[in-house]
C-alpha atoms as a PDB file:
ATOM      1  CA  MET A   1       0.000   0.000   0.000  1.00  0.00           C
ATOM      2  CA  ILE A   2       1.234   3.495  -0.802  1.00  0.00           C
ATOM      3  CA  LEU A   3       0.357   6.407   1.471  1.00  0.00           C
ATOM      4  CA  TRP A   4       0.607   9.827  -0.155  1.00  0.00           C
ATOM      5  CA  ARG A   5       1.427  12.776   2.091  1.00  0.00           C
ATOM      6  CA  GLU A   6      -0.508  15.893   1.145  1.00  0.00           C
ATOM      7  CA  HIS A   7       2.789  17.778   0.891  1.00  0.00           C
ATOM      8  CA  ALA A   8       4.067  15.245  -1.649  1.00  0.00           C
ATOM      9  CA  LEU A   9       0.975  15.506  -3.834  1.00  0.00           C
ATOM     10  CA  LEU A  10       1.049  19.306  -3.785  1.00  0.00           C
ATOM     11  CA  ARG A  11       4.750  19.427  -4.679  1.00  0.00           C
ATOM     12  CA  MET A  12       4.324  16.783  -7.383  1.00  0.00           C
ATOM     13  CA  ALA A  13       1.556  18.818  -9.014  1.00  0.00           C
ATOM     14  CA  LYS A  14       3.736  21.960  -9.017  1.00  0.00           C
ATOM     15  CA  ARG A  15       6.668  19.994 -10.439  1.00  0.00           C
ATOM     16  CA  ASP A  16       4.659  18.201 -13.138  1.00  0.00           C
ATOM     17  CA  ILE A  17       5.341  14.772 -11.616  1.00  0.00           C
ATOM     18  CA  THR A  18       2.484  12.286 -11.809  1.00  0.00           C
ATOM     19  CA  VAL A  19       1.459   9.512  -9.446  1.00  0.00           C
ATOM     20  CA  SER A  20       2.286   7.150 -12.307  1.00  0.00           C
ATOM     21  CA  ASP A  21       5.820   8.609 -12.491  1.00  0.00           C
ATOM     22  CA  VAL A  22       6.363   7.995  -8.780  1.00  0.00           C
ATOM     23  CA  ARG A  23       4.991   4.458  -8.961  1.00  0.00           C
ATOM     24  CA  SER A  24       7.405   3.751 -11.814  1.00  0.00           C
ATOM     25  CA  VAL A  25      10.341   5.153  -9.821  1.00  0.00           C
ATOM     26  CA  LEU A  26       9.421   2.921  -6.881  1.00  0.00           C
ATOM     27  CA  LYS A  27       9.231  -0.165  -9.113  1.00  0.00           C
ATOM     28  CA  THR A  28      12.341   0.372 -11.222  1.00  0.00           C
ATOM     29  CA  GLY A  29      14.460   2.965  -9.436  1.00  0.00           C
ATOM     30  CA  ILE A  30      17.549   2.562  -7.303  1.00  0.00           C
ATOM     31  CA  VAL A  31      18.170   3.692  -3.747  1.00  0.00           C
ATOM     32  CA  ILE A  32      20.857   6.377  -3.785  1.00  0.00           C
ATOM     33  CA  GLU A  33      20.753   7.483  -0.129  1.00  0.00           C
ATOM     34  CA  THR A  34      19.386   6.157   3.137  1.00  0.00           C
ATOM     35  CA  PHE A  35      18.600   8.192   6.224  1.00  0.00           C
ATOM     36  CA  GLU A  36      18.346   6.848   9.770  1.00  0.00           C
ATOM     37  CA  ASP A  37      15.367   9.028  10.617  1.00  0.00           C
ATOM     38  CA  SER A  38      13.246   8.506  13.692  1.00  0.00           C
ATOM     39  CA  PRO A  39      10.962   6.672  14.135  1.00  0.00           C
ATOM     40  CA  LEU A  40      11.594   4.920  10.791  1.00  0.00           C
ATOM     41  CA  PRO A  41      14.440   5.146   8.290  1.00  0.00           C
ATOM     42  CA  SER A  42      13.791   6.681   4.888  1.00  0.00           C
ATOM     43  CA  ARG A  43      15.442   6.417   1.510  1.00  0.00           C
ATOM     44  CA  LEU A  44      15.944   8.515  -1.570  1.00  0.00           C
ATOM     45  CA  VAL A  45      15.148   6.663  -4.789  1.00  0.00           C
ATOM     46  CA  LEU A  46      16.281   7.703  -8.275  1.00  0.00           C
ATOM     47  CA  GLY A  47      14.206   6.771 -11.290  1.00  0.00           C
ATOM     48  CA  PHE A  48      13.066   8.230 -14.593  1.00  0.00           C
ATOM     49  CA  ASP A  49       9.763   9.369 -16.053  1.00  0.00           C
ATOM     50  CA  THR A  50       8.467   8.215 -19.450  1.00  0.00           C
ATOM     51  CA  ALA A  51      10.436  10.992 -21.175  1.00  0.00           C
ATOM     52  CA  GLY A  52      13.658   9.758 -19.549  1.00  0.00           C
ATOM     53  CA  ASP A  53      13.961  12.693 -17.146  1.00  0.00           C
ATOM     54  CA  PRO A  54      15.265  11.904 -13.638  1.00  0.00           C
ATOM     55  CA  ILE A  55      13.051  12.001 -10.556  1.00  0.00           C
ATOM     56  CA  HIS A  56      13.990  11.620  -6.891  1.00  0.00           C
ATOM     57  CA  VAL A  57      11.408  10.191  -4.489  1.00  0.00           C
ATOM     58  CA  LEU A  58      11.799  10.353  -0.708  1.00  0.00           C
ATOM     59  CA  VAL A  59       9.994   7.391   0.825  1.00  0.00           C
ATOM     60  CA  ARG A  60       9.653   5.719   4.206  1.00  0.00           C
ATOM     61  CA  GLU A  61       8.726   2.048   4.520  1.00  0.00           C
ATOM     62  CA  ARG A  62       6.986   0.231   7.356  1.00  0.00           C
ATOM     63  CA  ASP A  63       5.829  -3.345   6.992  1.00  0.00           C
ATOM     64  CA  ASP A  64       3.846  -3.369   3.720  1.00  0.00           C
ATOM     65  CA  GLU A  65       3.300   0.395   3.601  1.00  0.00           C
ATOM     66  CA  LEU A  66       5.278   2.980   1.666  1.00  0.00           C
ATOM     67  CA  CYS A  67       4.821   6.618   2.623  1.00  0.00           C
ATOM     68  CA  ILE A  68       5.748   9.172  -0.035  1.00  0.00           C
ATOM     69  CA  PHE A  69       7.122  12.387   1.485  1.00  0.00           C
ATOM     70  CA  THR A  70       8.174  14.248  -1.637  1.00  0.00           C
ATOM     71  CA  ALA A  71       9.232  13.868  -5.259  1.00  0.00           C
ATOM     72  CA  TYR A  72      11.319  16.279  -7.290  1.00  0.00           C
ATOM     73  CA  ARG A  73      13.553  16.598 -10.314  1.00  0.00           C
ATOM     74  CA  PRO A  74      17.206  16.776  -9.216  1.00  0.00           C
ATOM     75  CA  SER A  75      18.820  20.136  -9.857  1.00  0.00           C
ATOM     76  CA  ASP A  76      22.019  20.334 -11.915  1.00  0.00           C
ATOM     77  CA  GLU A  77      23.252  22.821  -9.309  1.00  0.00           C
ATOM     78  CA  LEU A  78      23.004  20.295  -6.476  1.00  0.00           C
ATOM     79  CA  TRP A  79      23.532  16.938  -8.196  1.00  0.00           C
ATOM     80  CA  GLU A  80      26.235  15.507 -10.444  1.00  0.00           C
ATOM     81  CA  ALA A  81      25.331  14.438 -13.999  1.00  0.00           C
ATOM     82  CA  ASP A  82      24.621  10.872 -12.797  1.00  0.00           C
ATOM     83  CA  HIS A  83      21.778  12.280 -10.599  1.00  0.00           C
ATOM     84  CA  ARG A  84      23.055   9.966  -7.830  1.00  0.00           C
ATOM     85  CA  THR A  85      25.847  12.020  -6.315  1.00  0.00           C
ATOM     86  CA  ARG A  86      25.425  15.295  -4.439  1.00  0.00           C
ATOM     87  CA  LYS A  87      27.810  18.032  -5.476  1.00  0.00           C
ATOM     88  CA  ARG A  88      30.228  19.128  -2.802  1.00  0.00           C
ATOM     89  CA  PRO A  89      30.105  22.769  -1.694  1.00  0.00           C
ATOM     90  CA  GLN A  90      32.960  24.783  -3.132  1.00  0.00           C
END
């Protein structure tokens, strides 16, 4: 089951990211970062939309539930060309 935070849905709409895009990222994407958040850890997943553009999805998993916190298109200013590696501050 996927739980959609209101914040995630609002941000997705502003960023032209569909529910279908996020579902695809969750099915085919790769985990690029994990966070030991409390009370449950979360992970950042990289995947691509149907046009081949990258999308990051921040998700938390508990038992059989996935909770979507946000989804965005990685910025070239913050991410390397592989969309997996954060750029280091200069």
